[in-house]
Amino acid sequence: QLLAGLSLFVAAEGLIRHVYKPFFHSRLTKRETVMLT
Protein backbone atom coordinates (compact mmCIF):
# COMPACT_ATOMS: atom_id res chain seq x y z
CA GLN A 1 0.00 0.00 0.00
CA LEU A 2 2.95 2.37 0.40
CA LEU A 3 3.78 2.02 -3.28
CA ALA A 4 0.16 1.65 -4.45
CA GLY A 5 -1.00 4.73 -2.55
CA LEU A 6 1.86 6.83 -3.85
CA SER A 7 1.31 5.69 -7.44
CA LEU A 8 -2.45 6.33 -7.29
CA PHE A 9 -1.84 9.81 -5.93
CA VAL A 10 0.81 10.75 -8.52
CA ALA A 11 -1.27 9.35 -11.39
CA ALA A 12 -4.41 11.22 -10.28
CA GLU A 13 -2.47 14.45 -9.76
CA GLY A 14 -0.95 14.08 -13.21
CA LEU A 15 -4.32 13.60 -14.88
CA ILE A 16 -5.92 16.60 -13.19
CA ARG A 17 -3.11 19.12 -12.56
CA HIS A 18 -0.88 18.37 -15.55
CA VAL A 19 -3.34 17.28 -18.25
CA TYR A 20 -6.93 18.30 -17.56
CA LYS A 21 -6.32 21.71 -15.98
CA PRO A 22 -3.74 23.18 -18.42
CA PHE A 23 -5.37 21.81 -21.58
CA PHE A 24 -9.09 21.69 -20.85
CA HIS A 25 -9.96 23.88 -17.83
CA SER A 26 -7.32 26.47 -16.93
CA ARG A 27 -9.73 28.38 -14.68
CA LEU A 28 -10.00 25.50 -12.25
CA THR A 29 -9.61 26.78 -8.66
CA LYS A 30 -7.35 25.21 -6.05
CA ARG A 31 -10.30 23.74 -4.18
CA GLU A 32 -11.78 22.29 -7.38
CA THR A 33 -8.39 20.84 -8.35
CA VAL A 34 -8.12 19.00 -5.03
CA MET A 35 -11.69 17.76 -5.30
CA LEU A 36 -11.22 16.44 -8.86
CA THR A 37 -7.95 14.78 -7.86
PDB file of all heavy atoms in Angstrom:
ATOM      1  N   GLN A   1       0.809  -1.212   0.000  1.00  0.00           N
ATOM      2  CA  GLN A   1       0.000   0.000   0.000  1.00  0.00           C
ATOM      3  C   GLN A   1       0.849   1.272   0.000  1.00  0.00           C
ATOM      4  O   GLN A   1       0.384   2.317  -0.454  1.00  0.00           O
ATOM      5  CB  GLN A   1      -0.953  -0.014   1.193  1.00  0.00           C
ATOM      6  CG  GLN A   1      -2.041  -1.065   1.067  1.00  0.00           C
ATOM      7  CD  GLN A   1      -3.394  -0.537   1.467  1.00  0.00           C
ATOM      8  OE1 GLN A   1      -3.526   0.050   2.526  1.00  0.00           O
ATOM      9  NE2 GLN A   1      -4.382  -0.760   0.632  1.00  0.00           N
ATOM     10  N   LEU A   2       2.056   1.207   0.495  1.00  0.00           N
ATOM     11  CA  LEU A   2       2.949   2.365   0.402  1.00  0.00           C
ATOM     12  C   LEU A   2       3.165   2.745  -1.054  1.00  0.00           C
ATOM     13  O   LEU A   2       2.985   3.904  -1.449  1.00  0.00           O
ATOM     14  CB  LEU A   2       4.282   2.052   1.077  1.00  0.00           C
ATOM     15  CG  LEU A   2       5.426   3.058   0.837  1.00  0.00           C
ATOM     16  CD1 LEU A   2       5.034   4.446   1.304  1.00  0.00           C
ATOM     17  CD2 LEU A   2       6.705   2.599   1.516  1.00  0.00           C
ATOM     18  N   LEU A   3       3.531   1.760  -1.870  1.00  0.00           N
ATOM     19  CA  LEU A   3       3.782   2.025  -3.282  1.00  0.00           C
ATOM     20  C   LEU A   3       2.486   2.279  -4.039  1.00  0.00           C
ATOM     21  O   LEU A   3       2.410   3.173  -4.888  1.00  0.00           O
ATOM     22  CB  LEU A   3       4.547   0.859  -3.902  1.00  0.00           C
ATOM     23  CG  LEU A   3       4.965   1.000  -5.363  1.00  0.00           C
ATOM     24  CD1 LEU A   3       5.763   2.271  -5.580  1.00  0.00           C
ATOM     25  CD2 LEU A   3       5.756  -0.215  -5.820  1.00  0.00           C
ATOM     26  N   ALA A   4       1.429   1.498  -3.736  1.00  0.00           N
ATOM     27  CA  ALA A   4       0.161   1.652  -4.449  1.00  0.00           C
ATOM     28  C   ALA A   4      -0.467   3.009  -4.159  1.00  0.00           C
ATOM     29  O   ALA A   4      -0.990   3.674  -5.065  1.00  0.00           O
ATOM     30  CB  ALA A   4      -0.795   0.521  -4.061  1.00  0.00           C
ATOM     31  N   GLY A   5      -0.436   3.436  -2.894  1.00  0.00           N
ATOM     32  CA  GLY A   5      -1.005   4.733  -2.555  1.00  0.00           C
ATOM     33  C   GLY A   5      -0.261   5.872  -3.221  1.00  0.00           C
ATOM     34  O   GLY A   5      -0.869   6.809  -3.762  1.00  0.00           O
ATOM     35  N   LEU A   6       1.057   5.796  -3.210  1.00  0.00           N
ATOM     36  CA  LEU A   6       1.862   6.834  -3.850  1.00  0.00           C
ATOM     37  C   LEU A   6       1.590   6.883  -5.353  1.00  0.00           C
ATOM     38  O   LEU A   6       1.434   7.965  -5.934  1.00  0.00           O
ATOM     39  CB  LEU A   6       3.344   6.573  -3.577  1.00  0.00           C
ATOM     40  CG  LEU A   6       4.337   7.538  -4.222  1.00  0.00           C
ATOM     41  CD1 LEU A   6       4.159   8.949  -3.680  1.00  0.00           C
ATOM     42  CD2 LEU A   6       5.771   7.057  -3.988  1.00  0.00           C
ATOM     43  N   SER A   7       1.522   5.719  -5.989  1.00  0.00           N
ATOM     44  CA  SER A   7       1.312   5.690  -7.441  1.00  0.00           C
ATOM     45  C   SER A   7      -0.083   6.189  -7.813  1.00  0.00           C
ATOM     46  O   SER A   7      -0.245   6.922  -8.801  1.00  0.00           O
ATOM     47  CB  SER A   7       1.537   4.278  -7.983  1.00  0.00           C
ATOM     48  OG  SER A   7       0.620   3.367  -7.408  1.00  0.00           O
ATOM     49  N   LEU A   8      -1.104   5.818  -7.035  1.00  0.00           N
ATOM     50  CA  LEU A   8      -2.453   6.331  -7.291  1.00  0.00           C
ATOM     51  C   LEU A   8      -2.488   7.857  -7.181  1.00  0.00           C
ATOM     52  O   LEU A   8      -3.092   8.544  -8.009  1.00  0.00           O
ATOM     53  CB  LEU A   8      -3.447   5.731  -6.297  1.00  0.00           C
ATOM     54  CG  LEU A   8      -4.076   4.379  -6.619  1.00  0.00           C
ATOM     55  CD1 LEU A   8      -4.984   3.931  -5.487  1.00  0.00           C
ATOM     56  CD2 LEU A   8      -4.846   4.426  -7.929  1.00  0.00           C
ATOM     57  N   PHE A   9      -1.839   8.362  -6.162  1.00  0.00           N
ATOM     58  CA  PHE A   9      -1.836   9.806  -5.930  1.00  0.00           C
ATOM     59  C   PHE A   9      -1.135  10.546  -7.072  1.00  0.00           C
ATOM     60  O   PHE A   9      -1.657  11.534  -7.599  1.00  0.00           O
ATOM     61  CB  PHE A   9      -1.145  10.114  -4.597  1.00  0.00           C
ATOM     62  CG  PHE A   9      -1.080  11.570  -4.270  1.00  0.00           C
ATOM     63  CD1 PHE A   9      -2.178  12.218  -3.735  1.00  0.00           C
ATOM     64  CD2 PHE A   9       0.079  12.294  -4.493  1.00  0.00           C
ATOM     65  CE1 PHE A   9      -2.124  13.576  -3.442  1.00  0.00           C
ATOM     66  CE2 PHE A   9       0.137  13.651  -4.206  1.00  0.00           C
ATOM     67  CZ  PHE A   9      -0.969  14.289  -3.679  1.00  0.00           C
ATOM     68  N   VAL A  10       0.045  10.072  -7.470  1.00  0.00           N
ATOM     69  CA  VAL A  10       0.813  10.751  -8.519  1.00  0.00           C
ATOM     70  C   VAL A  10       0.085  10.662  -9.857  1.00  0.00           C
ATOM     71  O   VAL A  10       0.053  11.631 -10.636  1.00  0.00           O
ATOM     72  CB  VAL A  10       2.228  10.147  -8.621  1.00  0.00           C
ATOM     73  CG1 VAL A  10       3.003  10.772  -9.780  1.00  0.00           C
ATOM     74  CG2 VAL A  10       2.991  10.367  -7.323  1.00  0.00           C
ATOM     75  N   ALA A  11      -0.529   9.497 -10.142  1.00  0.00           N
ATOM     76  CA  ALA A  11      -1.268   9.353 -11.393  1.00  0.00           C
ATOM     77  C   ALA A  11      -2.478  10.282 -11.433  1.00  0.00           C
ATOM     78  O   ALA A  11      -2.744  10.943 -12.447  1.00  0.00           O
ATOM     79  CB  ALA A  11      -1.709   7.904 -11.574  1.00  0.00           C
ATOM     80  N   ALA A  12      -3.230  10.345 -10.331  1.00  0.00           N
ATOM     81  CA  ALA A  12      -4.409  11.217 -10.283  1.00  0.00           C
ATOM     82  C   ALA A  12      -4.010  12.687 -10.376  1.00  0.00           C
ATOM     83  O   ALA A  12      -4.650  13.476 -11.092  1.00  0.00           O
ATOM     84  CB  ALA A  12      -5.198  10.948  -8.997  1.00  0.00           C
ATOM     85  N   GLU A  13      -2.953  13.073  -9.671  1.00  0.00           N
ATOM     86  CA  GLU A  13      -2.471  14.452  -9.762  1.00  0.00           C
ATOM     87  C   GLU A  13      -2.061  14.786 -11.187  1.00  0.00           C
ATOM     88  O   GLU A  13      -2.358  15.862 -11.703  1.00  0.00           O
ATOM     89  CB  GLU A  13      -1.289  14.664  -8.821  1.00  0.00           C
ATOM     90  CG  GLU A  13      -0.737  16.079  -8.873  1.00  0.00           C
ATOM     91  CD  GLU A  13       0.650  16.212  -8.271  1.00  0.00           C
ATOM     92  OE1 GLU A  13       1.346  15.193  -8.134  1.00  0.00           O
ATOM     93  OE2 GLU A  13       1.028  17.344  -7.940  1.00  0.00           O
ATOM     94  N   GLY A  14      -1.377  13.845 -11.837  1.00  0.00           N
ATOM     95  CA  GLY A  14      -0.952  14.084 -13.208  1.00  0.00           C
ATOM     96  C   GLY A  14      -2.126  14.294 -14.146  1.00  0.00           C
ATOM     97  O   GLY A  14      -2.112  15.197 -14.994  1.00  0.00           O
ATOM     98  N   LEU A  15      -3.154  13.466 -13.998  1.00  0.00           N
ATOM     99  CA  LEU A  15      -4.319  13.598 -14.876  1.00  0.00           C
ATOM    100  C   LEU A  15      -5.020  14.936 -14.688  1.00  0.00           C
ATOM    101  O   LEU A  15      -5.433  15.571 -15.668  1.00  0.00           O
ATOM    102  CB  LEU A  15      -5.306  12.455 -14.594  1.00  0.00           C
ATOM    103  CG  LEU A  15      -4.903  11.066 -15.093  1.00  0.00           C
ATOM    104  CD1 LEU A  15      -5.901  10.030 -14.607  1.00  0.00           C
ATOM    105  CD2 LEU A  15      -4.819  11.044 -16.620  1.00  0.00           C
ATOM    106  N   ILE A  16      -5.162  15.382 -13.447  1.00  0.00           N
ATOM    107  CA  ILE A  16      -5.922  16.603 -13.186  1.00  0.00           C
ATOM    108  C   ILE A  16      -5.052  17.854 -13.319  1.00  0.00           C
ATOM    109  O   ILE A  16      -5.376  18.781 -14.072  1.00  0.00           O
ATOM    110  CB  ILE A  16      -6.562  16.549 -11.780  1.00  0.00           C
ATOM    111  CG1 ILE A  16      -7.466  15.317 -11.660  1.00  0.00           C
ATOM    112  CG2 ILE A  16      -7.359  17.825 -11.520  1.00  0.00           C
ATOM    113  CD1 ILE A  16      -8.563  15.233 -12.701  1.00  0.00           C
ATOM    114  N   ARG A  17      -3.926  17.896 -12.588  1.00  0.00           N
ATOM    115  CA  ARG A  17      -3.114  19.120 -12.564  1.00  0.00           C
ATOM    116  C   ARG A  17      -2.290  19.324 -13.831  1.00  0.00           C
ATOM    117  O   ARG A  17      -2.058  20.463 -14.242  1.00  0.00           O
ATOM    118  CB  ARG A  17      -2.170  19.106 -11.367  1.00  0.00           C
ATOM    119  CG  ARG A  17      -2.838  19.311 -10.021  1.00  0.00           C
ATOM    120  CD  ARG A  17      -1.798  19.453  -8.930  1.00  0.00           C
ATOM    121  NE  ARG A  17      -1.063  20.707  -9.044  1.00  0.00           N
ATOM    122  CZ  ARG A  17       0.170  20.891  -8.575  1.00  0.00           C
ATOM    123  NH1 ARG A  17       0.810  19.901  -7.984  1.00  0.00           N
ATOM    124  NH2 ARG A  17       0.757  22.059  -8.692  1.00  0.00           N
ATOM    125  N   HIS A  18      -1.823  18.226 -14.438  1.00  0.00           N
ATOM    126  CA  HIS A  18      -0.885  18.369 -15.546  1.00  0.00           C
ATOM    127  C   HIS A  18      -1.493  18.108 -16.918  1.00  0.00           C
ATOM    128  O   HIS A  18      -0.847  18.408 -17.927  1.00  0.00           O
ATOM    129  CB  HIS A  18       0.306  17.437 -15.329  1.00  0.00           C
ATOM    130  CG  HIS A  18       1.015  17.661 -14.032  1.00  0.00           C
ATOM    131  ND1 HIS A  18       1.370  18.915 -13.598  1.00  0.00           N
ATOM    132  CD2 HIS A  18       1.415  16.799 -13.055  1.00  0.00           C
ATOM    133  CE1 HIS A  18       1.967  18.823 -12.420  1.00  0.00           C
ATOM    134  NE2 HIS A  18       1.995  17.563 -12.070  1.00  0.00           N
ATOM    135  N   VAL A  19      -2.689  17.527 -16.960  1.00  0.00           N
ATOM    136  CA  VAL A  19      -3.339  17.282 -18.252  1.00  0.00           C
ATOM    137  C   VAL A  19      -4.667  18.034 -18.348  1.00  0.00           C
ATOM    138  O   VAL A  19      -4.848  18.901 -19.204  1.00  0.00           O
ATOM    139  CB  VAL A  19      -3.554  15.769 -18.487  1.00  0.00           C
ATOM    140  CG1 VAL A  19      -4.302  15.547 -19.802  1.00  0.00           C
ATOM    141  CG2 VAL A  19      -2.223  15.033 -18.523  1.00  0.00           C
ATOM    142  N   TYR A  20      -5.596  17.718 -17.447  1.00  0.00           N
ATOM    143  CA  TYR A  20      -6.930  18.303 -17.564  1.00  0.00           C
ATOM    144  C   TYR A  20      -6.912  19.822 -17.356  1.00  0.00           C
ATOM    145  O   TYR A  20      -7.471  20.576 -18.163  1.00  0.00           O
ATOM    146  CB  TYR A  20      -7.877  17.651 -16.557  1.00  0.00           C
ATOM    147  CG  TYR A  20      -9.270  18.241 -16.566  1.00  0.00           C
ATOM    148  CD1 TYR A  20     -10.131  18.010 -17.645  1.00  0.00           C
ATOM    149  CD2 TYR A  20      -9.718  19.054 -15.525  1.00  0.00           C
ATOM    150  CE1 TYR A  20     -11.402  18.562 -17.672  1.00  0.00           C
ATOM    151  CE2 TYR A  20     -10.987  19.609 -15.547  1.00  0.00           C
ATOM    152  CZ  TYR A  20     -11.825  19.356 -16.617  1.00  0.00           C
ATOM    153  OH  TYR A  20     -13.079  19.904 -16.644  1.00  0.00           O
ATOM    154  N   LYS A  21      -6.280  20.277 -16.286  1.00  0.00           N
ATOM    155  CA  LYS A  21      -6.316  21.711 -15.979  1.00  0.00           C
ATOM    156  C   LYS A  21      -5.630  22.578 -17.043  1.00  0.00           C
ATOM    157  O   LYS A  21      -6.222  23.553 -17.533  1.00  0.00           O
ATOM    158  CB  LYS A  21      -5.703  21.971 -14.600  1.00  0.00           C
ATOM    159  CG  LYS A  21      -5.772  23.433 -14.175  1.00  0.00           C
ATOM    160  CD  LYS A  21      -5.273  23.634 -12.754  1.00  0.00           C
ATOM    161  CE  LYS A  21      -5.351  25.101 -12.360  1.00  0.00           C
ATOM    162  NZ  LYS A  21      -4.920  25.319 -10.953  1.00  0.00           N
ATOM    163  N   PRO A  22      -4.389  22.284 -17.447  1.00  0.00           N
ATOM    164  CA  PRO A  22      -3.743  23.181 -18.422  1.00  0.00           C
ATOM    165  C   PRO A  22      -4.333  23.108 -19.830  1.00  0.00           C
ATOM    166  O   PRO A  22      -4.273  24.083 -20.574  1.00  0.00           O
ATOM    167  CB  PRO A  22      -2.280  22.728 -18.414  1.00  0.00           C
ATOM    168  CG  PRO A  22      -2.309  21.343 -17.886  1.00  0.00           C
ATOM    169  CD  PRO A  22      -3.454  21.264 -16.942  1.00  0.00           C
ATOM    170  N   PHE A  23      -4.912  21.970 -20.207  1.00  0.00           N
ATOM    171  CA  PHE A  23      -5.375  21.813 -21.581  1.00  0.00           C
ATOM    172  C   PHE A  23      -6.883  21.978 -21.745  1.00  0.00           C
ATOM    173  O   PHE A  23      -7.349  22.332 -22.826  1.00  0.00           O
ATOM    174  CB  PHE A  23      -4.958  20.448 -22.132  1.00  0.00           C
ATOM    175  CG  PHE A  23      -3.476  20.263 -22.226  1.00  0.00           C
ATOM    176  CD1 PHE A  23      -2.824  19.343 -21.430  1.00  0.00           C
ATOM    177  CD2 PHE A  23      -2.719  21.030 -23.100  1.00  0.00           C
ATOM    178  CE1 PHE A  23      -1.450  19.174 -21.504  1.00  0.00           C
ATOM    179  CE2 PHE A  23      -1.350  20.867 -23.181  1.00  0.00           C
ATOM    180  CZ  PHE A  23      -0.712  19.944 -22.376  1.00  0.00           C
ATOM    181  N   PHE A  24      -7.642  21.710 -20.684  1.00  0.00           N
ATOM    182  CA  PHE A  24      -9.095  21.688 -20.845  1.00  0.00           C
ATOM    183  C   PHE A  24      -9.860  22.596 -19.881  1.00  0.00           C
ATOM    184  O   PHE A  24     -11.033  22.859 -20.090  1.00  0.00           O
ATOM    185  CB  PHE A  24      -9.617  20.253 -20.681  1.00  0.00           C
ATOM    186  CG  PHE A  24      -8.998  19.280 -21.622  1.00  0.00           C
ATOM    187  CD1 PHE A  24      -8.057  18.362 -21.182  1.00  0.00           C
ATOM    188  CD2 PHE A  24      -9.332  19.285 -22.967  1.00  0.00           C
ATOM    189  CE1 PHE A  24      -7.476  17.460 -22.058  1.00  0.00           C
ATOM    190  CE2 PHE A  24      -8.756  18.390 -23.855  1.00  0.00           C
ATOM    191  CZ  PHE A  24      -7.818  17.473 -23.397  1.00  0.00           C
ATOM    192  N   HIS A  25      -9.231  23.063 -18.799  1.00  0.00           N
ATOM    193  CA  HIS A  25      -9.961  23.883 -17.832  1.00  0.00           C
ATOM    194  C   HIS A  25      -8.970  24.700 -17.001  1.00  0.00           C
ATOM    195  O   HIS A  25      -8.777  24.449 -15.814  1.00  0.00           O
ATOM    196  CB  HIS A  25     -10.822  22.997 -16.927  1.00  0.00           C
ATOM    197  CG  HIS A  25     -11.890  23.757 -16.206  1.00  0.00           C
ATOM    198  ND1 HIS A  25     -12.918  23.138 -15.532  1.00  0.00           N
ATOM    199  CD2 HIS A  25     -12.100  25.091 -16.053  1.00  0.00           C
ATOM    200  CE1 HIS A  25     -13.702  24.041 -14.989  1.00  0.00           C
ATOM    201  NE2 HIS A  25     -13.220  25.236 -15.301  1.00  0.00           N
ATOM    202  N   SER A  26      -8.370  25.708 -17.609  1.00  0.00           N
ATOM    203  CA  SER A  26      -7.317  26.467 -16.928  1.00  0.00           C
ATOM    204  C   SER A  26      -7.851  27.323 -15.786  1.00  0.00           C
ATOM    205  O   SER A  26      -7.077  27.758 -14.935  1.00  0.00           O
ATOM    206  CB  SER A  26      -6.590  27.357 -17.940  1.00  0.00           C
ATOM    207  OG  SER A  26      -7.505  28.257 -18.554  1.00  0.00           O
ATOM    208  N   ARG A  27      -9.158  27.560 -15.747  1.00  0.00           N
ATOM    209  CA  ARG A  27      -9.735  28.379 -14.685  1.00  0.00           C
ATOM    210  C   ARG A  27     -10.100  27.574 -13.441  1.00  0.00           C
ATOM    211  O   ARG A  27     -10.732  28.100 -12.527  1.00  0.00           O
ATOM    212  CB  ARG A  27     -10.981  29.097 -15.206  1.00  0.00           C
ATOM    213  CG  ARG A  27     -10.691  30.155 -16.258  1.00  0.00           C
ATOM    214  CD  ARG A  27     -11.941  30.925 -16.616  1.00  0.00           C
ATOM    215  NE  ARG A  27     -11.649  32.014 -17.541  1.00  0.00           N
ATOM    216  CZ  ARG A  27     -12.557  32.875 -17.980  1.00  0.00           C
ATOM    217  NH1 ARG A  27     -13.825  32.760 -17.586  1.00  0.00           N
ATOM    218  NH2 ARG A  27     -12.218  33.833 -18.809  1.00  0.00           N
ATOM    219  N   LEU A  28      -9.703  26.351 -13.397  1.00  0.00           N
ATOM    220  CA  LEU A  28     -10.004  25.502 -12.246  1.00  0.00           C
ATOM    221  C   LEU A  28      -9.362  26.089 -10.987  1.00  0.00           C
ATOM    222  O   LEU A  28      -8.179  26.422 -10.973  1.00  0.00           O
ATOM    223  CB  LEU A  28      -9.451  24.095 -12.499  1.00  0.00           C
ATOM    224  CG  LEU A  28     -10.158  22.909 -11.842  1.00  0.00           C
ATOM    225  CD1 LEU A  28     -11.595  22.789 -12.335  1.00  0.00           C
ATOM    226  CD2 LEU A  28      -9.385  21.628 -12.142  1.00  0.00           C
ATOM    227  N   THR A  29     -10.139  26.224  -9.912  1.00  0.00           N
ATOM    228  CA  THR A  29      -9.605  26.776  -8.665  1.00  0.00           C
ATOM    229  C   THR A  29      -8.822  25.712  -7.900  1.00  0.00           C
ATOM    230  O   THR A  29      -8.878  24.520  -8.221  1.00  0.00           O
ATOM    231  CB  THR A  29     -10.746  27.290  -7.773  1.00  0.00           C
ATOM    232  OG1 THR A  29     -11.564  26.179  -7.369  1.00  0.00           O
ATOM    233  CG2 THR A  29     -11.601  28.308  -8.518  1.00  0.00           C
ATOM    234  N   LYS A  30      -8.113  26.149  -6.861  1.00  0.00           N
ATOM    235  CA  LYS A  30      -7.349  25.207  -6.048  1.00  0.00           C
ATOM    236  C   LYS A  30      -8.265  24.175  -5.391  1.00  0.00           C
ATOM    237  O   LYS A  30      -7.961  22.981  -5.381  1.00  0.00           O
ATOM    238  CB  LYS A  30      -6.562  25.965  -4.979  1.00  0.00           C
ATOM    239  CG  LYS A  30      -5.422  26.802  -5.523  1.00  0.00           C
ATOM    240  CD  LYS A  30      -4.650  27.462  -4.397  1.00  0.00           C
ATOM    241  CE  LYS A  30      -3.468  28.249  -4.944  1.00  0.00           C
ATOM    242  NZ  LYS A  30      -2.666  28.864  -3.858  1.00  0.00           N
ATOM    243  N   ARG A  31      -9.373  24.652  -4.834  1.00  0.00           N
ATOM    244  CA  ARG A  31     -10.301  23.740  -4.178  1.00  0.00           C
ATOM    245  C   ARG A  31     -10.879  22.728  -5.166  1.00  0.00           C
ATOM    246  O   ARG A  31     -10.988  21.537  -4.872  1.00  0.00           O
ATOM    247  CB  ARG A  31     -11.429  24.529  -3.514  1.00  0.00           C
ATOM    248  CG  ARG A  31     -12.435  23.669  -2.754  1.00  0.00           C
ATOM    249  CD  ARG A  31     -13.520  24.534  -2.140  1.00  0.00           C
ATOM    250  NE  ARG A  31     -12.967  25.411  -1.118  1.00  0.00           N
ATOM    251  CZ  ARG A  31     -12.799  25.037   0.151  1.00  0.00           C
ATOM    252  NH1 ARG A  31     -13.132  23.816   0.535  1.00  0.00           N
ATOM    253  NH2 ARG A  31     -12.301  25.890   1.029  1.00  0.00           N
ATOM    254  N   GLU A  32     -11.225  23.186  -6.354  1.00  0.00           N
ATOM    255  CA  GLU A  32     -11.776  22.285  -7.376  1.00  0.00           C
ATOM    256  C   GLU A  32     -10.726  21.289  -7.858  1.00  0.00           C
ATOM    257  O   GLU A  32     -11.035  20.127  -8.147  1.00  0.00           O
ATOM    258  CB  GLU A  32     -12.305  23.107  -8.547  1.00  0.00           C
ATOM    259  CG  GLU A  32     -13.547  23.916  -8.218  1.00  0.00           C
ATOM    260  CD  GLU A  32     -13.890  24.913  -9.319  1.00  0.00           C
ATOM    261  OE1 GLU A  32     -12.992  25.248 -10.129  1.00  0.00           O
ATOM    262  OE2 GLU A  32     -15.045  25.365  -9.354  1.00  0.00           O
ATOM    263  N   THR A  33      -9.472  21.744  -7.929  1.00  0.00           N
ATOM    264  CA  THR A  33      -8.393  20.843  -8.350  1.00  0.00           C
ATOM    265  C   THR A  33      -8.216  19.706  -7.349  1.00  0.00           C
ATOM    266  O   THR A  33      -8.068  18.538  -7.738  1.00  0.00           O
ATOM    267  CB  THR A  33      -7.079  21.627  -8.489  1.00  0.00           C
ATOM    268  OG1 THR A  33      -7.256  22.692  -9.412  1.00  0.00           O
ATOM    269  CG2 THR A  33      -5.962  20.717  -8.987  1.00  0.00           C
ATOM    270  N   VAL A  34      -8.230  20.034  -6.060  1.00  0.00           N
ATOM    271  CA  VAL A  34      -8.115  19.000  -5.030  1.00  0.00           C
ATOM    272  C   VAL A  34      -9.300  18.049  -5.093  1.00  0.00           C
ATOM    273  O   VAL A  34      -9.146  16.826  -5.019  1.00  0.00           O
ATOM    274  CB  VAL A  34      -8.011  19.653  -3.632  1.00  0.00           C
ATOM    275  CG1 VAL A  34      -8.113  18.592  -2.542  1.00  0.00           C
ATOM    276  CG2 VAL A  34      -6.698  20.415  -3.504  1.00  0.00           C
ATOM    277  N   MET A  35     -10.506  18.596  -5.247  1.00  0.00           N
ATOM    278  CA  MET A  35     -11.694  17.758  -5.299  1.00  0.00           C
ATOM    279  C   MET A  35     -11.642  16.795  -6.488  1.00  0.00           C
ATOM    280  O   MET A  35     -11.907  15.588  -6.350  1.00  0.00           O
ATOM    281  CB  MET A  35     -12.945  18.626  -5.394  1.00  0.00           C
ATOM    282  CG  MET A  35     -14.250  17.828  -5.430  1.00  0.00           C
ATOM    283  SD  MET A  35     -15.664  18.839  -5.889  1.00  0.00           S
ATOM    284  CE  MET A  35     -15.286  19.182  -7.625  1.00  0.00           C
ATOM    285  N   LEU A  36     -11.291  17.298  -7.678  1.00  0.00           N
ATOM    286  CA  LEU A  36     -11.217  16.440  -8.863  1.00  0.00           C
ATOM    287  C   LEU A  36     -10.111  15.396  -8.729  1.00  0.00           C
ATOM    288  O   LEU A  36     -10.245  14.270  -9.222  1.00  0.00           O
ATOM    289  CB  LEU A  36     -10.994  17.287 -10.113  1.00  0.00           C
ATOM    290  CG  LEU A  36     -12.211  18.067 -10.626  1.00  0.00           C
ATOM    291  CD1 LEU A  36     -11.837  18.864 -11.860  1.00  0.00           C
ATOM    292  CD2 LEU A  36     -13.360  17.114 -10.945  1.00  0.00           C
ATOM    293  N   THR A  37      -9.018  15.759  -8.076  1.00  0.00           N
ATOM    294  CA  THR A  37      -7.951  14.780  -7.863  1.00  0.00           C
ATOM    295  C   THR A  37      -8.429  13.651  -6.963  1.00  0.00           C
ATOM    296  O   THR A  37      -8.112  12.476  -7.201  1.00  0.00           O
ATOM    297  CB  THR A  37      -6.713  15.467  -7.248  1.00  0.00           C
ATOM    298  OG1 THR A  37      -6.273  16.510  -8.109  1.00  0.00           O
ATOM    299  CG2 THR A  37      -5.583  14.469  -7.054  1.00  0.00           C
TER     300      THR A  37
END
